[in-house]
Amino acid sequence: MHDFIKLTKAFSDPTRVRILGLLLEGELCVCNIVEVTEFAQPTISRHLKQCTDAGLTFARKAGGWTHYRLATDSTEKYIAEFISLLKQAVETDKTFLELRSKLHALKKAKNIF
């Protein structure tokens, strides 16, 4: 039950849901998420830490940068179901669709694959 509660708490914040939605596009550096969302780096890092603690994301250090990706290969109970719900939820959110468009423009401008 504890893991389920962590997941639901991670999904209880619209900003976290939108950040997770951006991660549906692939691994991203915190700096890219900051640039797209226009939130401060500590705010994004705090949200991502909660997602990582819930098992929804994995972090990878590369020099001074931290990159995050969704835990799509997780064997933890409920993760796959929550990611499936995430995909459905963000597709109808106007704010998310604008963020995704900004992310695609950023990736193109900076040659991020």
PDB file of N, CA and C in Angstrom:
ATOM      1  N   MET A   1       0.825  -1.192   0.000  1.00  0.00           N
ATOM      2  CA  MET A   1       0.000   0.000   0.000  1.00  0.00           C
ATOM      3  C   MET A   1       0.873   1.261   0.000  1.00  0.00           C
ATOM      4  N   HIS A   2       2.015   1.210   0.669  1.00  0.00           N
ATOM      5  CA  HIS A   2       2.900   2.374   0.772  1.00  0.00           C
ATOM      6  C   HIS A   2       3.343   2.855  -0.605  1.00  0.00           C
ATOM      7  N   ASP A   3       3.709   1.931  -1.494  1.00  0.00           N
ATOM      8  CA  ASP A   3       4.154   2.304  -2.844  1.00  0.00           C
ATOM      9  C   ASP A   3       3.023   2.944  -3.644  1.00  0.00           C
ATOM     10  N   PHE A   4       1.831   2.431  -3.479  1.00  0.00           N
ATOM     11  CA  PHE A   4       0.673   2.983  -4.181  1.00  0.00           C
ATOM     12  C   PHE A   4       0.419   4.423  -3.740  1.00  0.00           C
ATOM     13  N   ILE A   5       0.526   4.678  -2.458  1.00  0.00           N
ATOM     14  CA  ILE A   5       0.309   6.025  -1.928  1.00  0.00           C
ATOM     15  C   ILE A   5       1.379   6.980  -2.456  1.00  0.00           C
ATOM     16  N   LYS A   6       2.643   6.532  -2.530  1.00  0.00           N
ATOM     17  CA  LYS A   6       3.708   7.368  -3.095  1.00  0.00           C
ATOM     18  C   LYS A   6       3.391   7.743  -4.543  1.00  0.00           C
ATOM     19  N   LEU A   7       2.902   6.775  -5.307  1.00  0.00           N
ATOM     20  CA  LEU A   7       2.547   7.037  -6.706  1.00  0.00           C
ATOM     21  C   LEU A   7       1.422   8.048  -6.814  1.00  0.00           C
ATOM     22  N   THR A   8       0.391   7.859  -6.029  1.00  0.00           N
ATOM     23  CA  THR A   8      -0.736   8.782  -6.120  1.00  0.00           C
ATOM     24  C   THR A   8      -0.332  10.183  -5.682  1.00  0.00           C
ATOM     25  N   LYS A   9       0.554  10.287  -4.701  1.00  0.00           N
ATOM     26  CA  LYS A   9       1.048  11.607  -4.296  1.00  0.00           C
ATOM     27  C   LYS A   9       1.861  12.247  -5.414  1.00  0.00           C
ATOM     28  N   ALA A  10       2.667  11.463  -6.100  1.00  0.00           N
ATOM     29  CA  ALA A  10       3.460  12.000  -7.207  1.00  0.00           C
ATOM     30  C   ALA A  10       2.555  12.529  -8.310  1.00  0.00           C
ATOM     31  N   PHE A  11       1.442  11.872  -8.532  1.00  0.00           N
ATOM     32  CA  PHE A  11       0.505  12.285  -9.572  1.00  0.00           C
ATOM     33  C   PHE A  11      -0.506  13.317  -9.093  1.00  0.00           C
ATOM     34  N   SER A  12      -0.402  13.751  -7.850  1.00  0.00           N
ATOM     35  CA  SER A  12      -1.389  14.683  -7.306  1.00  0.00           C
ATOM     36  C   SER A  12      -1.100  16.141  -7.655  1.00  0.00           C
ATOM     37  N   ASP A  13       0.031  16.412  -8.274  1.00  0.00           N
ATOM     38  CA  ASP A  13       0.406  17.790  -8.588  1.00  0.00           C
ATOM     39  C   ASP A  13       0.433  17.985 -10.106  1.00  0.00           C
ATOM     40  N   PRO A  14      -0.289  18.986 -10.624  1.00  0.00           N
ATOM     41  CA  PRO A  14      -0.312  19.195 -12.084  1.00  0.00           C
ATOM     42  C   PRO A  14       1.067  19.454 -12.690  1.00  0.00           C
ATOM     43  N   THR A  15       1.930  20.144 -11.972  1.00  0.00           N
ATOM     44  CA  THR A  15       3.274  20.408 -12.490  1.00  0.00           C
ATOM     45  C   THR A  15       4.046  19.110 -12.651  1.00  0.00           C
ATOM     46  N   ARG A  16       3.972  18.225 -11.658  1.00  0.00           N
ATOM     47  CA  ARG A  16       4.668  16.929 -11.768  1.00  0.00           C
ATOM     48  C   ARG A  16       4.117  16.121 -12.923  1.00  0.00           C
ATOM     49  N   VAL A  17       2.805  16.130 -13.098  1.00  0.00           N
ATOM     50  CA  VAL A  17       2.202  15.366 -14.196  1.00  0.00           C
ATOM     51  C   VAL A  17       2.709  15.898 -15.532  1.00  0.00           C
ATOM     52  N   ARG A  18       2.808  17.211 -15.658  1.00  0.00           N
ATOM     53  CA  ARG A  18       3.298  17.784 -16.918  1.00  0.00           C
ATOM     54  C   ARG A  18       4.779  17.473 -17.135  1.00  0.00           C
ATOM     55  N   ILE A  19       5.560  17.511 -16.077  1.00  0.00           N
ATOM     56  CA  ILE A  19       6.978  17.140 -16.190  1.00  0.00           C
ATOM     57  C   ILE A  19       7.093  15.679 -16.624  1.00  0.00           C
ATOM     58  N   LEU A  20       6.318  14.816 -16.004  1.00  0.00           N
ATOM     59  CA  LEU A  20       6.325  13.401 -16.387  1.00  0.00           C
ATOM     60  C   LEU A  20       5.885  13.244 -17.837  1.00  0.00           C
ATOM     61  N   GLY A  21       4.918  14.044 -18.247  1.00  0.00           N
ATOM     62  CA  GLY A  21       4.480  14.018 -19.638  1.00  0.00           C
ATOM     63  C   GLY A  21       5.603  14.383 -20.589  1.00  0.00           C
ATOM     64  N   LEU A  22       6.410  15.380 -20.207  1.00  0.00           N
ATOM     65  CA  LEU A  22       7.559  15.740 -21.036  1.00  0.00           C
ATOM     66  C   LEU A  22       8.538  14.576 -21.145  1.00  0.00           C
ATOM     67  N   LEU A  23       8.661  13.819 -20.077  1.00  0.00           N
ATOM     68  CA  LEU A  23       9.572  12.665 -20.088  1.00  0.00           C
ATOM     69  C   LEU A  23       9.054  11.526 -20.963  1.00  0.00           C
ATOM     70  N   LEU A  24       7.789  11.588 -21.348  1.00  0.00           N
ATOM     71  CA  LEU A  24       7.285  10.621 -22.335  1.00  0.00           C
ATOM     72  C   LEU A  24       8.016  10.796 -23.669  1.00  0.00           C
ATOM     73  N   GLU A  25       8.584  11.990 -23.876  1.00  0.00           N
ATOM     74  CA  GLU A  25       9.319  12.294 -25.109  1.00  0.00           C
ATOM     75  C   GLU A  25      10.745  11.759 -25.073  1.00  0.00           C
ATOM     76  N   GLY A  26      11.155  11.195 -23.943  1.00  0.00           N
ATOM     77  CA  GLY A  26      12.496  10.649 -23.803  1.00  0.00           C
ATOM     78  C   GLY A  26      13.245  11.294 -22.658  1.00  0.00           C
ATOM     79  N   GLU A  27      14.461  10.824 -22.442  1.00  0.00           N
ATOM     80  CA  GLU A  27      15.294  11.333 -21.360  1.00  0.00           C
ATOM     81  C   GLU A  27      15.569  12.825 -21.552  1.00  0.00           C
ATOM     82  N   LEU A  28      15.495  13.572 -20.443  1.00  0.00           N
ATOM     83  CA  LEU A  28      15.742  15.010 -20.485  1.00  0.00           C
ATOM     84  C   LEU A  28      16.628  15.434 -19.329  1.00  0.00           C
ATOM     85  N   CYS A  29      17.449  16.419 -19.604  1.00  0.00           N
ATOM     86  CA  CYS A  29      18.256  17.058 -18.573  1.00  0.00           C
ATOM     87  C   CYS A  29      17.353  18.021 -17.796  1.00  0.00           C
ATOM     88  N   VAL A  30      17.633  18.192 -16.522  1.00  0.00           N
ATOM     89  CA  VAL A  30      16.865  19.135 -15.712  1.00  0.00           C
ATOM     90  C   VAL A  30      16.881  20.511 -16.376  1.00  0.00           C
ATOM     91  N   CYS A  31      18.019  20.901 -16.935  1.00  0.00           N
ATOM     92  CA  CYS A  31      18.127  22.224 -17.562  1.00  0.00           C
ATOM     93  C   CYS A  31      17.139  22.380 -18.715  1.00  0.00           C
ATOM     94  N   ASN A  32      16.874  21.306 -19.454  1.00  0.00           N
ATOM     95  CA  ASN A  32      15.899  21.369 -20.546  1.00  0.00           C
ATOM     96  C   ASN A  32      14.484  21.534 -20.010  1.00  0.00           C
ATOM     97  N   ILE A  33      14.186  20.834 -18.937  1.00  0.00           N
ATOM     98  CA  ILE A  33      12.859  20.944 -18.332  1.00  0.00           C
ATOM     99  C   ILE A  33      12.656  22.349 -17.776  1.00  0.00           C
ATOM    100  N   VAL A  34      13.695  22.897 -17.165  1.00  0.00           N
ATOM    101  CA  VAL A  34      13.637  24.263 -16.637  1.00  0.00           C
ATOM    102  C   VAL A  34      13.350  25.242 -17.778  1.00  0.00           C
ATOM    103  N   GLU A  35      14.057  25.082 -18.874  1.00  0.00           N
ATOM    104  CA  GLU A  35      13.894  25.992 -20.009  1.00  0.00           C
ATOM    105  C   GLU A  35      12.487  25.925 -20.595  1.00  0.00           C
ATOM    106  N   VAL A  36      11.938  24.738 -20.684  1.00  0.00           N
ATOM    107  CA  VAL A  36      10.612  24.565 -21.273  1.00  0.00           C
ATOM    108  C   VAL A  36       9.516  25.050 -20.328  1.00  0.00           C
ATOM    109  N   THR A  37       9.619  24.693 -19.060  1.00  0.00           N
ATOM    110  CA  THR A  37       8.549  25.020 -18.112  1.00  0.00           C
ATOM    111  C   THR A  37       8.666  26.426 -17.538  1.00  0.00           C
ATOM    112  N   GLU A  38       9.877  26.975 -17.571  1.00  0.00           N
ATOM    113  CA  GLU A  38      10.169  28.285 -16.999  1.00  0.00           C
ATOM    114  C   GLU A  38      10.014  28.315 -15.472  1.00  0.00           C
ATOM    115  N   PHE A  39      10.131  27.153 -14.846  1.00  0.00           N
ATOM    116  CA  PHE A  39      10.188  27.070 -13.392  1.00  0.00           C
ATOM    117  C   PHE A  39      11.652  27.094 -12.970  1.00  0.00           C
ATOM    118  N   ALA A  40      11.898  27.464 -11.736  1.00  0.00           N
ATOM    119  CA  ALA A  40      13.267  27.492 -11.214  1.00  0.00           C
ATOM    120  C   ALA A  40      13.811  26.071 -11.106  1.00  0.00           C
ATOM    121  N   GLN A  41      15.123  25.942 -11.260  1.00  0.00           N
ATOM    122  CA  GLN A  41      15.768  24.629 -11.188  1.00  0.00           C
ATOM    123  C   GLN A  41      15.484  23.901  -9.876  1.00  0.00           C
ATOM    124  N   PRO A  42      15.531  24.568  -8.713  1.00  0.00           N
ATOM    125  CA  PRO A  42      15.233  23.834  -7.475  1.00  0.00           C
ATOM    126  C   PRO A  42      13.800  23.282  -7.440  1.00  0.00           C
ATOM    127  N   THR A  43      12.878  24.002  -8.043  1.00  0.00           N
ATOM    128  CA  THR A  43      11.483  23.542  -8.095  1.00  0.00           C
ATOM    129  C   THR A  43      11.379  22.277  -8.932  1.00  0.00           C
ATOM    130  N   ILE A  44      11.998  22.287 -10.104  1.00  0.00           N
ATOM    131  CA  ILE A  44      11.966  21.111 -10.982  1.00  0.00           C
ATOM    132  C   ILE A  44      12.657  19.932 -10.304  1.00  0.00           C
ATOM    133  N   SER A  45      13.808  20.177  -9.700  1.00  0.00           N
ATOM    134  CA  SER A  45      14.544  19.102  -9.029  1.00  0.00           C
ATOM    135  C   SER A  45      13.738  18.500  -7.886  1.00  0.00           C
ATOM    136  N   ARG A  46      13.034  19.340  -7.149  1.00  0.00           N
ATOM    137  CA  ARG A  46      12.205  18.850  -6.033  1.00  0.00           C
ATOM    138  C   ARG A  46      11.082  17.947  -6.560  1.00  0.00           C
ATOM    139  N   HIS A  47      10.435  18.391  -7.643  1.00  0.00           N
ATOM    140  CA  HIS A  47       9.362  17.588  -8.237  1.00  0.00           C
ATOM    141  C   HIS A  47       9.911  16.255  -8.761  1.00  0.00           C
ATOM    142  N   LEU A  48      11.051  16.306  -9.413  1.00  0.00           N
ATOM    143  CA  LEU A  48      11.638  15.079  -9.963  1.00  0.00           C
ATOM    144  C   LEU A  48      12.102  14.131  -8.862  1.00  0.00           C
ATOM    145  N   LYS A  49      12.574  14.667  -7.754  1.00  0.00           N
ATOM    146  CA  LYS A  49      12.963  13.810  -6.631  1.00  0.00           C
ATOM    147  C   LYS A  49      11.758  13.041  -6.113  1.00  0.00           C
ATOM    148  N   GLN A  50      10.632  13.714  -6.003  1.00  0.00           N
ATOM    149  CA  GLN A  50       9.428  13.029  -5.532  1.00  0.00           C
ATOM    150  C   GLN A  50       9.015  11.940  -6.525  1.00  0.00           C
ATOM    151  N   CYS A  51       9.158  12.215  -7.809  1.00  0.00           N
ATOM    152  CA  CYS A  51       8.825  11.203  -8.821  1.00  0.00           C
ATOM    153  C   CYS A  51       9.785  10.023  -8.747  1.00  0.00           C
ATOM    154  N   THR A  52      11.060  10.299  -8.521  1.00  0.00           N
ATOM    155  CA  THR A  52      12.057   9.235  -8.398  1.00  0.00           C
ATOM    156  C   THR A  52      11.799   8.412  -7.134  1.00  0.00           C
ATOM    157  N   ASP A  53      11.484   9.074  -6.044  1.00  0.00           N
ATOM    158  CA  ASP A  53      11.162   8.363  -4.797  1.00  0.00           C
ATOM    159  C   ASP A  53       9.947   7.456  -4.959  1.00  0.00           C
ATOM    160  N   ALA A  54       9.032   7.852  -5.826  1.00  0.00           N
ATOM    161  CA  ALA A  54       7.828   7.048  -6.077  1.00  0.00           C
ATOM    162  C   ALA A  54       8.094   5.930  -7.079  1.00  0.00           C
ATOM    163  N   GLY A  55       9.289   5.920  -7.689  1.00  0.00           N
ATOM    164  CA  GLY A  55       9.636   4.876  -8.650  1.00  0.00           C
ATOM    165  C   GLY A  55       9.233   5.185 -10.074  1.00  0.00           C
ATOM    166  N   LEU A  56       8.788   6.429 -10.334  1.00  0.00           N
ATOM    167  CA  LEU A  56       8.321   6.794 -11.669  1.00  0.00           C
ATOM    168  C   LEU A  56       9.439   7.223 -12.606  1.00  0.00           C
ATOM    169  N   THR A  57      10.547   7.698 -12.045  1.00  0.00           N
ATOM    170  CA  THR A  57      11.654   8.164 -12.872  1.00  0.00           C
ATOM    171  C   THR A  57      12.969   7.599 -12.371  1.00  0.00           C
ATOM    172  N   PHE A  58      13.935   7.597 -13.275  1.00  0.00           N
ATOM    173  CA  PHE A  58      15.308   7.243 -12.938  1.00  0.00           C
ATOM    174  C   PHE A  58      16.177   8.451 -13.247  1.00  0.00           C
ATOM    175  N   ALA A  59      17.165   8.698 -12.412  1.00  0.00           N
ATOM    176  CA  ALA A  59      18.098   9.801 -12.616  1.00  0.00           C
ATOM    177  C   ALA A  59      19.455   9.247 -13.013  1.00  0.00           C
ATOM    178  N   ARG A  60      20.127  10.001 -13.887  1.00  0.00           N
ATOM    179  CA  ARG A  60      21.468   9.639 -14.326  1.00  0.00           C
ATOM    180  C   ARG A  60      22.313  10.904 -14.322  1.00  0.00           C
ATOM    181  N   LYS A  61      23.447  10.838 -13.637  1.00  0.00           N
ATOM    182  CA  LYS A  61      24.367  11.973 -13.593  1.00  0.00           C
ATOM    183  C   LYS A  61      25.303  11.904 -14.802  1.00  0.00           C
ATOM    184  N   ALA A  62      25.545  13.072 -15.386  1.00  0.00           N
ATOM    185  CA  ALA A  62      26.498  13.187 -16.496  1.00  0.00           C
ATOM    186  C   ALA A  62      27.236  14.499 -16.289  1.00  0.00           C
ATOM    187  N   GLY A  63      28.406  14.399 -15.692  1.00  0.00           N
ATOM    188  CA  GLY A  63      29.141  15.606 -15.342  1.00  0.00           C
ATOM    189  C   GLY A  63      28.378  16.371 -14.278  1.00  0.00           C
ATOM    190  N   GLY A  64      28.105  17.631 -14.540  1.00  0.00           N
ATOM    191  CA  GLY A  64      27.356  18.445 -13.593  1.00  0.00           C
ATOM    192  C   GLY A  64      25.862  18.422 -13.824  1.00  0.00           C
ATOM    193  N   TRP A  65      25.425  17.629 -14.784  1.00  0.00           N
ATOM    194  CA  TRP A  65      24.013  17.597 -15.154  1.00  0.00           C
ATOM    195  C   TRP A  65      23.352  16.316 -14.658  1.00  0.00           C
ATOM    196  N   THR A  66      22.075  16.409 -14.406  1.00  0.00           N
ATOM    197  CA  THR A  66      21.288  15.222 -14.078  1.00  0.00           C
ATOM    198  C   THR A  66      20.218  15.055 -15.142  1.00  0.00           C
ATOM    199  N   HIS A  67      20.142  13.858 -15.687  1.00  0.00           N
ATOM    200  CA  HIS A  67      19.169  13.522 -16.716  1.00  0.00           C
ATOM    201  C   HIS A  67      18.143  12.565 -16.101  1.00  0.00           C
ATOM    202  N   TYR A  68      16.885  12.748 -16.494  1.00  0.00           N
ATOM    203  CA  TYR A  68      15.808  11.909 -15.980  1.00  0.00           C
ATOM    204  C   TYR A  68      15.094  11.230 -17.123  1.00  0.00           C
ATOM    205  N   ARG A  69      14.590  10.042 -16.825  1.00  0.00           N
ATOM    206  CA  ARG A  69      13.755   9.322 -17.780  1.00  0.00           C
ATOM    207  C   ARG A  69      12.657   8.612 -17.005  1.00  0.00           C
ATOM    208  N   LEU A  70      11.581   8.310 -17.707  1.00  0.00           N
ATOM    209  CA  LEU A  70      10.501   7.566 -17.075  1.00  0.00           C
ATOM    210  C   LEU A  70      10.933   6.131 -16.818  1.00  0.00           C
ATOM    211  N   ALA A  71      10.394   5.549 -15.792  1.00  0.00           N
ATOM    212  CA  ALA A  71      10.713   4.169 -15.416  1.00  0.00           C
ATOM    213  C   ALA A  71       9.824   3.199 -16.198  1.00  0.00           C
ATOM    214  N   THR A  72       9.864   3.314 -17.516  1.00  0.00           N
ATOM    215  CA  THR A  72       8.997   2.489 -18.358  1.00  0.00           C
ATOM    216  C   THR A  72       9.349   1.009 -18.283  1.00  0.00           C
ATOM    217  N   ASP A  73      10.577   0.701 -17.883  1.00  0.00           N
ATOM    218  CA  ASP A  73      10.994  -0.697 -17.780  1.00  0.00           C
ATOM    219  C   ASP A  73      10.920  -1.218 -16.345  1.00  0.00           C
ATOM    220  N   SER A  74      10.270  -0.466 -15.482  1.00  0.00           N
ATOM    221  CA  SER A  74      10.145  -0.865 -14.081  1.00  0.00           C
ATOM    222  C   SER A  74       9.259  -2.096 -13.945  1.00  0.00           C
ATOM    223  N   THR A  75       9.610  -2.943 -13.009  1.00  0.00           N
ATOM    224  CA  THR A  75       8.776  -4.106 -12.706  1.00  0.00           C
ATOM    225  C   THR A  75       7.915  -3.854 -11.467  1.00  0.00           C
ATOM    226  N   GLU A  76       8.009  -2.633 -10.935  1.00  0.00           N
ATOM    227  CA  GLU A  76       7.210  -2.286  -9.761  1.00  0.00           C
ATOM    228  C   GLU A  76       5.727  -2.313 -10.103  1.00  0.00           C
ATOM    229  N   LYS A  77       4.961  -2.785  -9.160  1.00  0.00           N
ATOM    230  CA  LYS A  77       3.515  -2.863  -9.327  1.00  0.00           C
ATOM    231  C   LYS A  77       2.956  -1.461  -9.557  1.00  0.00           C
ATOM    232  N   TYR A  78       2.024  -1.322 -10.443  1.00  0.00           N
ATOM    233  CA  TYR A  78       1.291  -0.097 -10.764  1.00  0.00           C
ATOM    234  C   TYR A  78       2.011   0.872 -11.695  1.00  0.00           C
ATOM    235  N   ILE A  79       3.332   0.820 -11.828  1.00  0.00           N
ATOM    236  CA  ILE A  79       4.049   1.827 -12.618  1.00  0.00           C
ATOM    237  C   ILE A  79       3.533   1.846 -14.062  1.00  0.00           C
ATOM    238  N   ALA A  80       3.439   0.717 -14.708  1.00  0.00           N
ATOM    239  CA  ALA A  80       2.993   0.667 -16.105  1.00  0.00           C
ATOM    240  C   ALA A  80       1.587   1.227 -16.257  1.00  0.00           C
ATOM    241  N   GLU A  81       0.716   0.918 -15.307  1.00  0.00           N
ATOM    242  CA  GLU A  81      -0.644   1.431 -15.372  1.00  0.00           C
ATOM    243  C   GLU A  81      -0.669   2.950 -15.233  1.00  0.00           C
ATOM    244  N   PHE A  82       0.133   3.480 -14.315  1.00  0.00           N
ATOM    245  CA  PHE A  82       0.169   4.921 -14.107  1.00  0.00           C
ATOM    246  C   PHE A  82       0.761   5.630 -15.328  1.00  0.00           C
ATOM    247  N   ILE A  83       1.765   5.047 -15.945  1.00  0.00           N
ATOM    248  CA  ILE A  83       2.346   5.668 -17.138  1.00  0.00           C
ATOM    249  C   ILE A  83       1.341   5.648 -18.286  1.00  0.00           C
ATOM    250  N   SER A  84       0.573   4.588 -18.392  1.00  0.00           N
ATOM    251  CA  SER A  84      -0.474   4.517 -19.404  1.00  0.00           C
ATOM    252  C   SER A  84      -1.531   5.604 -19.170  1.00  0.00           C
ATOM    253  N   LEU A  85      -1.928   5.791 -17.938  1.00  0.00           N
ATOM    254  CA  LEU A  85      -2.875   6.855 -17.606  1.00  0.00           C
ATOM    255  C   LEU A  85      -2.279   8.228 -17.880  1.00  0.00           C
ATOM    256  N   LEU A  86      -0.997   8.382 -17.607  1.00  0.00           N
ATOM    257  CA  LEU A  86      -0.309   9.640 -17.873  1.00  0.00           C
ATOM    258  C   LEU A  86      -0.404   9.997 -19.355  1.00  0.00           C
ATOM    259  N   LYS A  87      -0.127   9.029 -20.225  1.00  0.00           N
ATOM    260  CA  LYS A  87      -0.187   9.261 -21.672  1.00  0.00           C
ATOM    261  C   LYS A  87      -1.560   9.790 -22.076  1.00  0.00           C
ATOM    262  N   GLN A  88      -2.593   9.215 -21.517  1.00  0.00           N
ATOM    263  CA  GLN A  88      -3.951   9.642 -21.839  1.00  0.00           C
ATOM    264  C   GLN A  88      -4.243  11.032 -21.286  1.00  0.00           C
ATOM    265  N   ALA A  89      -3.806  11.292 -20.073  1.00  0.00           N
ATOM    266  CA  ALA A  89      -4.122  12.557 -19.401  1.00  0.00           C
ATOM    267  C   ALA A  89      -3.488  13.755 -20.079  1.00  0.00           C
ATOM    268  N   VAL A  90      -2.225  13.641 -20.461  1.00  0.00           N
ATOM    269  CA  VAL A  90      -1.532  14.809 -21.009  1.00  0.00           C
ATOM    270  C   VAL A  90      -2.010  15.170 -22.413  1.00  0.00           C
ATOM    271  N   GLU A  91      -2.529  14.209 -23.135  1.00  0.00           N
ATOM    272  CA  GLU A  91      -2.948  14.468 -24.510  1.00  0.00           C
ATOM    273  C   GLU A  91      -4.138  15.411 -24.604  1.00  0.00           C
ATOM    274  N   THR A  92      -4.845  15.628 -23.513  1.00  0.00           N
ATOM    275  CA  THR A  92      -5.996  16.515 -23.534  1.00  0.00           C
ATOM    276  C   THR A  92      -5.756  17.798 -22.742  1.00  0.00           C
ATOM    277  N   ASP A  93      -4.548  17.981 -22.241  1.00  0.00           N
ATOM    278  CA  ASP A  93      -4.226  19.142 -21.414  1.00  0.00           C
ATOM    279  C   ASP A  93      -3.585  20.226 -22.270  1.00  0.00           C
ATOM    280  N   LYS A  94      -4.261  21.362 -22.407  1.00  0.00           N
ATOM    281  CA  LYS A  94      -3.781  22.446 -23.256  1.00  0.00           C
ATOM    282  C   LYS A  94      -2.398  22.938 -22.816  1.00  0.00           C
ATOM    283  N   THR A  95      -2.199  23.101 -21.519  1.00  0.00           N
ATOM    284  CA  THR A  95      -0.910  23.563 -21.013  1.00  0.00           C
ATOM    285  C   THR A  95       0.196  22.585 -21.381  1.00  0.00           C
ATOM    286  N   PHE A  96      -0.078  21.287 -21.223  1.00  0.00           N
ATOM    287  CA  PHE A  96       0.934  20.300 -21.577  1.00  0.00           C
ATOM    288  C   PHE A  96       1.248  20.341 -23.063  1.00  0.00           C
ATOM    289  N   LEU A  97       0.237  20.449 -23.897  1.00  0.00           N
ATOM    290  CA  LEU A  97       0.470  20.459 -25.341  1.00  0.00           C
ATOM    291  C   LEU A  97       1.356  21.646 -25.742  1.00  0.00           C
ATOM    292  N   GLU A  98       1.198  22.774 -25.072  1.00  0.00           N
ATOM    293  CA  GLU A  98       2.066  23.930 -25.320  1.00  0.00           C
ATOM    294  C   GLU A  98       3.502  23.630 -24.866  1.00  0.00           C
ATOM    295  N   LEU A  99       3.641  22.985 -23.696  1.00  0.00           N
ATOM    296  CA  LEU A  99       4.972  22.614 -23.210  1.00  0.00           C
ATOM    297  C   LEU A  99       5.654  21.638 -24.162  1.00  0.00           C
ATOM    298  N   ARG A 100       4.897  20.664 -24.634  1.00  0.00           N
ATOM    299  CA  ARG A 100       5.470  19.681 -25.558  1.00  0.00           C
ATOM    300  C   ARG A 100       5.931  20.358 -26.846  1.00  0.00           C
ATOM    301  N   SER A 101       5.160  21.315 -27.317  1.00  0.00           N
ATOM    302  CA  SER A 101       5.551  22.054 -28.517  1.00  0.00           C
ATOM    303  C   SER A 101       6.849  22.837 -28.270  1.00  0.00           C
ATOM    304  N   LYS A 102       6.959  23.460 -27.102  1.00  0.00           N
ATOM    305  CA  LYS A 102       8.187  24.170 -26.744  1.00  0.00           C
ATOM    306  C   LYS A 102       9.364  23.209 -26.646  1.00  0.00           C
ATOM    307  N   LEU A 103       9.123  22.013 -26.093  1.00  0.00           N
ATOM    308  CA  LEU A 103      10.179  21.013 -25.975  1.00  0.00           C
ATOM    309  C   LEU A 103      10.664  20.583 -27.356  1.00  0.00           C
ATOM    310  N   HIS A 104       9.746  20.339 -28.263  1.00  0.00           N
ATOM    311  CA  HIS A 104      10.141  19.923 -29.617  1.00  0.00           C
ATOM    312  C   HIS A 104      10.969  21.013 -30.295  1.00  0.00           C
ATOM    313  N   ALA A 105      10.577  22.286 -30.109  1.00  0.00           N
ATOM    314  CA  ALA A 105      11.342  23.398 -30.680  1.00  0.00           C
ATOM    315  C   ALA A 105      12.731  23.479 -30.046  1.00  0.00           C
ATOM    316  N   LEU A 106      12.807  23.281 -28.742  1.00  0.00           N
ATOM    317  CA  LEU A 106      14.103  23.302 -28.034  1.00  0.00           C
ATOM    318  C   LEU A 106      15.009  22.177 -28.523  1.00  0.00           C
ATOM    319  N   LYS A 107      14.453  20.972 -28.641  1.00  0.00           N
ATOM    320  CA  LYS A 107      15.240  19.832 -29.096  1.00  0.00           C
ATOM    321  C   LYS A 107      15.779  20.072 -30.515  1.00  0.00           C
ATOM    322  N   LYS A 108      14.943  20.650 -31.359  1.00  0.00           N
ATOM    323  CA  LYS A 108      15.364  20.928 -32.735  1.00  0.00           C
ATOM    324  C   LYS A 108      16.467  21.990 -32.740  1.00  0.00           C
ATOM    325  N   ALA A 109      16.284  23.049 -31.959  1.00  0.00           N
ATOM    326  CA  ALA A 109      17.248  24.153 -31.936  1.00  0.00           C
ATOM    327  C   ALA A 109      18.598  23.710 -31.350  1.00  0.00           C
ATOM    328  N   LYS A 110      18.576  22.801 -30.402  1.00  0.00           N
ATOM    329  CA  LYS A 110      19.814  22.384 -29.723  1.00  0.00           C
ATOM    330  C   LYS A 110      20.308  21.018 -30.185  1.00  0.00           C
ATOM    331  N   ASN A 111      19.682  20.459 -31.215  1.00  0.00           N
ATOM    332  CA  ASN A 111      20.056  19.139 -31.727  1.00  0.00           C
ATOM    333  C   ASN A 111      20.056  18.075 -30.632  1.00  0.00           C
ATOM    334  N   ILE A 112      19.001  18.049 -29.855  1.00  0.00           N
ATOM    335  CA  ILE A 112      18.842  17.058 -28.783  1.00  0.00           C
ATOM    336  C   ILE A 112      17.990  15.926 -29.342  1.00  0.00           C
ATOM    337  N   PHE A 113      18.500  14.721 -29.193  1.00  0.00           N
ATOM    338  CA  PHE A 113      17.753  13.559 -29.717  1.00  0.00           C
ATOM    339  C   PHE A 113      17.225  12.726 -28.606  1.00  0.00           C
TER     340      PHE A 113
END
